[in-house]
N, C-alpha and C. Protein backbone atom coordinates (compact mmCIF):
# COMPACT_ATOMS: atom_id res chain seq x y z
N MET A 1 -10.84 93.01 167.33
CA MET A 1 -9.64 93.01 168.10
C MET A 1 -9.77 93.96 169.30
N CYS A 2 -10.39 95.08 169.07
CA CYS A 2 -10.56 96.04 170.17
C CYS A 2 -11.41 95.46 171.28
N ASP A 3 -12.41 94.68 170.91
CA ASP A 3 -13.22 94.02 171.94
C ASP A 3 -12.35 93.10 172.80
N LEU A 4 -11.46 92.36 172.17
CA LEU A 4 -10.57 91.48 172.93
C LEU A 4 -9.66 92.27 173.86
N ILE A 5 -9.12 93.36 173.36
CA ILE A 5 -8.22 94.19 174.18
C ILE A 5 -8.97 94.74 175.38
N LEU A 6 -10.17 95.23 175.16
CA LEU A 6 -10.93 95.83 176.25
C LEU A 6 -11.40 94.79 177.27
N HIS A 7 -11.73 93.59 176.81
CA HIS A 7 -12.24 92.57 177.72
C HIS A 7 -11.15 91.85 178.49
N GLU A 8 -9.94 91.80 177.96
CA GLU A 8 -8.88 91.08 178.67
C GLU A 8 -8.24 91.91 179.78
N ARG A 9 -8.47 93.18 179.78
CA ARG A 9 -7.92 94.06 180.83
C ARG A 9 -8.85 94.06 182.04
N SER A 10 -8.26 94.15 183.22
CA SER A 10 -9.10 94.22 184.41
C SER A 10 -9.85 95.55 184.46
N HIS A 11 -9.24 96.59 183.89
CA HIS A 11 -9.89 97.89 183.76
C HIS A 11 -9.90 98.23 182.27
N PRO A 12 -11.05 98.16 181.62
CA PRO A 12 -11.11 98.39 180.17
C PRO A 12 -10.54 99.74 179.73
N GLU A 13 -10.54 100.70 180.62
CA GLU A 13 -10.01 102.02 180.27
C GLU A 13 -8.53 101.95 179.90
N GLN A 14 -7.83 100.95 180.41
CA GLN A 14 -6.40 100.81 180.12
C GLN A 14 -6.16 100.46 178.65
N GLY A 15 -7.09 99.79 178.02
CA GLY A 15 -6.93 99.41 176.63
C GLY A 15 -7.50 100.41 175.64
N PHE A 16 -8.12 101.46 176.13
CA PHE A 16 -8.79 102.42 175.27
C PHE A 16 -7.82 103.12 174.33
N ARG A 17 -6.69 103.56 174.84
CA ARG A 17 -5.71 104.26 174.00
C ARG A 17 -5.10 103.34 172.96
N ALA A 18 -4.89 102.08 173.32
CA ALA A 18 -4.37 101.11 172.34
C ALA A 18 -5.37 100.93 171.20
N CYS A 19 -6.65 100.85 171.54
CA CYS A 19 -7.68 100.70 170.51
C CYS A 19 -7.74 101.93 169.60
N LEU A 20 -7.63 103.11 170.18
CA LEU A 20 -7.61 104.32 169.36
C LEU A 20 -6.42 104.33 168.41
N GLY A 21 -5.26 103.91 168.90
CA GLY A 21 -4.08 103.86 168.04
C GLY A 21 -4.24 102.86 166.92
N ILE A 22 -4.81 101.70 167.22
CA ILE A 22 -5.03 100.68 166.19
C ILE A 22 -5.99 101.21 165.13
N LEU A 23 -7.07 101.83 165.56
CA LEU A 23 -8.03 102.37 164.60
C LEU A 23 -7.41 103.49 163.77
N ARG A 24 -6.50 104.25 164.35
CA ARG A 24 -5.84 105.34 163.63
C ARG A 24 -4.92 104.81 162.53
N LEU A 25 -4.46 103.56 162.65
CA LEU A 25 -3.60 102.98 161.63
C LEU A 25 -4.32 102.80 160.30
N ALA A 26 -5.64 102.77 160.31
CA ALA A 26 -6.41 102.62 159.07
C ALA A 26 -6.19 103.80 158.14
N ALA A 27 -5.90 104.96 158.67
CA ALA A 27 -5.66 106.14 157.82
C ALA A 27 -4.38 105.97 157.02
N SER A 28 -3.38 105.32 157.59
CA SER A 28 -2.09 105.15 156.91
C SER A 28 -2.05 103.92 156.02
N TYR A 29 -2.64 102.83 156.47
CA TYR A 29 -2.48 101.56 155.78
C TYR A 29 -3.73 101.08 155.06
N GLY A 30 -4.86 101.64 155.36
CA GLY A 30 -6.11 101.21 154.73
C GLY A 30 -6.86 100.21 155.60
N ARG A 31 -8.15 100.20 155.39
CA ARG A 31 -9.02 99.37 156.23
C ARG A 31 -8.80 97.87 156.00
N GLU A 32 -8.61 97.47 154.74
CA GLU A 32 -8.44 96.05 154.44
C GLU A 32 -7.18 95.49 155.06
N ARG A 33 -6.08 96.24 154.94
CA ARG A 33 -4.81 95.79 155.53
C ARG A 33 -4.90 95.76 157.05
N LEU A 34 -5.59 96.73 157.64
CA LEU A 34 -5.74 96.75 159.09
C LEU A 34 -6.55 95.54 159.56
N ASP A 35 -7.60 95.20 158.84
CA ASP A 35 -8.39 94.02 159.20
C ASP A 35 -7.55 92.74 159.11
N ALA A 36 -6.74 92.63 158.06
CA ALA A 36 -5.89 91.45 157.90
C ALA A 36 -4.83 91.39 158.99
N ALA A 37 -4.26 92.54 159.34
CA ALA A 37 -3.25 92.58 160.40
C ALA A 37 -3.86 92.25 161.75
N ALA A 38 -5.06 92.72 162.00
CA ALA A 38 -5.73 92.42 163.27
C ALA A 38 -6.05 90.93 163.36
N ALA A 39 -6.48 90.33 162.26
CA ALA A 39 -6.76 88.90 162.26
C ALA A 39 -5.50 88.10 162.53
N ARG A 40 -4.38 88.51 161.92
CA ARG A 40 -3.12 87.81 162.15
C ARG A 40 -2.65 87.99 163.58
N ALA A 41 -2.82 89.18 164.13
CA ALA A 41 -2.42 89.43 165.52
C ALA A 41 -3.23 88.57 166.48
N ILE A 42 -4.51 88.42 166.21
CA ILE A 42 -5.35 87.57 167.06
C ILE A 42 -4.89 86.12 166.96
N ASP A 43 -4.54 85.67 165.76
CA ASP A 43 -4.10 84.29 165.56
C ASP A 43 -2.83 83.98 166.34
N ILE A 44 -1.91 84.94 166.41
CA ILE A 44 -0.64 84.67 167.11
C ILE A 44 -0.68 85.11 168.56
N GLY A 45 -1.79 85.69 168.99
CA GLY A 45 -1.93 86.07 170.40
C GLY A 45 -1.28 87.39 170.76
N ALA A 46 -1.02 88.22 169.77
CA ALA A 46 -0.40 89.53 170.01
C ALA A 46 -1.49 90.59 169.96
N ARG A 47 -1.89 91.07 171.11
CA ARG A 47 -3.02 92.01 171.17
C ARG A 47 -2.58 93.37 171.66
N THR A 48 -1.59 93.96 170.99
CA THR A 48 -1.12 95.29 171.36
C THR A 48 -1.04 96.15 170.11
N TYR A 49 -1.02 97.45 170.33
CA TYR A 49 -0.86 98.40 169.24
C TYR A 49 0.47 98.17 168.53
N GLY A 50 1.52 97.98 169.28
CA GLY A 50 2.85 97.79 168.68
C GLY A 50 2.92 96.56 167.80
N SER A 51 2.24 95.50 168.20
CA SER A 51 2.23 94.28 167.39
C SER A 51 1.52 94.49 166.07
N VAL A 52 0.38 95.15 166.11
CA VAL A 52 -0.37 95.40 164.87
C VAL A 52 0.42 96.33 163.96
N LYS A 53 1.02 97.34 164.53
CA LYS A 53 1.82 98.27 163.72
C LYS A 53 3.02 97.56 163.10
N SER A 54 3.65 96.67 163.84
CA SER A 54 4.78 95.91 163.31
C SER A 54 4.34 94.98 162.19
N ILE A 55 3.21 94.34 162.34
CA ILE A 55 2.69 93.47 161.27
C ILE A 55 2.45 94.28 160.00
N LEU A 56 1.89 95.47 160.14
CA LEU A 56 1.64 96.31 158.98
C LEU A 56 2.95 96.84 158.38
N ALA A 57 3.86 97.27 159.21
CA ALA A 57 5.12 97.85 158.72
C ALA A 57 5.96 96.81 157.98
N ASN A 58 5.89 95.56 158.40
CA ASN A 58 6.69 94.51 157.77
C ASN A 58 5.91 93.72 156.72
N ASN A 59 4.73 94.21 156.36
CA ASN A 59 3.88 93.60 155.34
C ASN A 59 3.53 92.14 155.65
N LEU A 60 3.46 91.80 156.92
CA LEU A 60 3.11 90.43 157.29
C LEU A 60 1.63 90.15 157.11
N ASP A 61 0.83 91.19 156.99
CA ASP A 61 -0.60 91.00 156.75
C ASP A 61 -0.87 90.46 155.36
N ARG A 62 0.08 90.60 154.46
CA ARG A 62 -0.06 90.14 153.09
C ARG A 62 0.47 88.73 152.89
N ARG A 63 1.15 88.19 153.86
CA ARG A 63 1.70 86.84 153.77
C ARG A 63 0.80 85.87 154.51
N PRO A 64 0.75 84.64 154.04
CA PRO A 64 -0.04 83.65 154.80
C PRO A 64 0.65 83.33 156.12
N ALA A 65 -0.16 83.05 157.12
CA ALA A 65 0.39 82.71 158.43
C ALA A 65 1.04 81.34 158.36
N HIS A 66 2.09 81.15 159.15
CA HIS A 66 2.80 79.88 159.20
C HIS A 66 1.92 78.84 159.87
N GLN A 67 1.64 77.78 159.16
CA GLN A 67 0.82 76.71 159.71
C GLN A 67 1.74 75.58 160.18
N ARG A 68 1.56 75.17 161.43
CA ARG A 68 2.34 74.05 161.95
C ARG A 68 1.74 72.76 161.41
N SER A 69 2.60 71.89 160.97
CA SER A 69 2.14 70.61 160.46
C SER A 69 2.69 69.49 161.33
N ALA A 70 2.29 68.28 161.03
CA ALA A 70 2.77 67.13 161.78
C ALA A 70 4.26 66.90 161.57
N ASP A 71 4.80 67.44 160.48
CA ASP A 71 6.23 67.27 160.19
C ASP A 71 7.10 68.15 161.08
N ASP A 72 6.53 69.12 161.77
CA ASP A 72 7.28 70.01 162.65
C ASP A 72 7.45 69.37 164.02
N ALA A 73 8.09 68.24 164.05
CA ALA A 73 8.32 67.53 165.32
C ALA A 73 9.40 68.25 166.11
N PRO A 74 9.37 68.15 167.43
CA PRO A 74 10.41 68.78 168.23
C PRO A 74 11.78 68.16 167.95
N ILE A 75 12.80 68.96 168.13
CA ILE A 75 14.17 68.50 167.88
C ILE A 75 14.64 67.69 169.08
N LEU A 76 15.15 66.52 168.81
CA LEU A 76 15.68 65.67 169.86
C LEU A 76 17.21 65.69 169.77
N HIS A 77 17.84 66.11 170.85
CA HIS A 77 19.29 66.20 170.88
C HIS A 77 19.73 66.11 172.33
N ALA A 78 20.91 65.60 172.56
CA ALA A 78 21.40 65.39 173.93
C ALA A 78 21.60 66.71 174.68
N ASN A 79 21.86 67.79 174.00
CA ASN A 79 22.12 69.07 174.66
C ASN A 79 20.87 69.90 174.90
N ILE A 80 19.72 69.45 174.45
CA ILE A 80 18.48 70.18 174.68
C ILE A 80 17.87 69.66 175.97
N ARG A 81 17.66 70.54 176.92
CA ARG A 81 17.25 70.14 178.26
C ARG A 81 15.79 69.75 178.36
N GLY A 82 14.91 70.51 177.81
CA GLY A 82 13.49 70.21 177.89
C GLY A 82 12.86 70.76 179.15
N PRO A 83 11.53 70.65 179.28
CA PRO A 83 10.83 71.25 180.42
C PRO A 83 11.10 70.54 181.74
N ARG A 84 11.47 69.27 181.72
CA ARG A 84 11.70 68.54 182.97
C ARG A 84 12.97 69.00 183.67
N TYR A 85 13.90 69.61 182.96
CA TYR A 85 15.15 70.06 183.55
C TYR A 85 14.92 71.09 184.64
N TYR A 86 13.92 71.94 184.48
CA TYR A 86 13.71 73.07 185.38
C TYR A 86 12.84 72.73 186.59
N ASN A 87 12.38 71.52 186.71
CA ASN A 87 11.54 71.13 187.85
C ASN A 87 12.36 70.65 189.02
């Protein structure tokens, strides 16, 4: 996860403190939970210290990630505008 944080920034130094904070969470929550939280954060596209800390604090690393299925079709209703409304 730290590699992703450092590579997505135009200046890797900006992500250094976030990486240190994420690594410091291992002291409180354990290495296994931190690895699971980092994997979940990568899956949902949340690459910040606050996101990883929130995942750990809410025990979301212990729950399976929500998998979208074919049954999750978009809701069709007359009051839902959709993306074409804003063009």
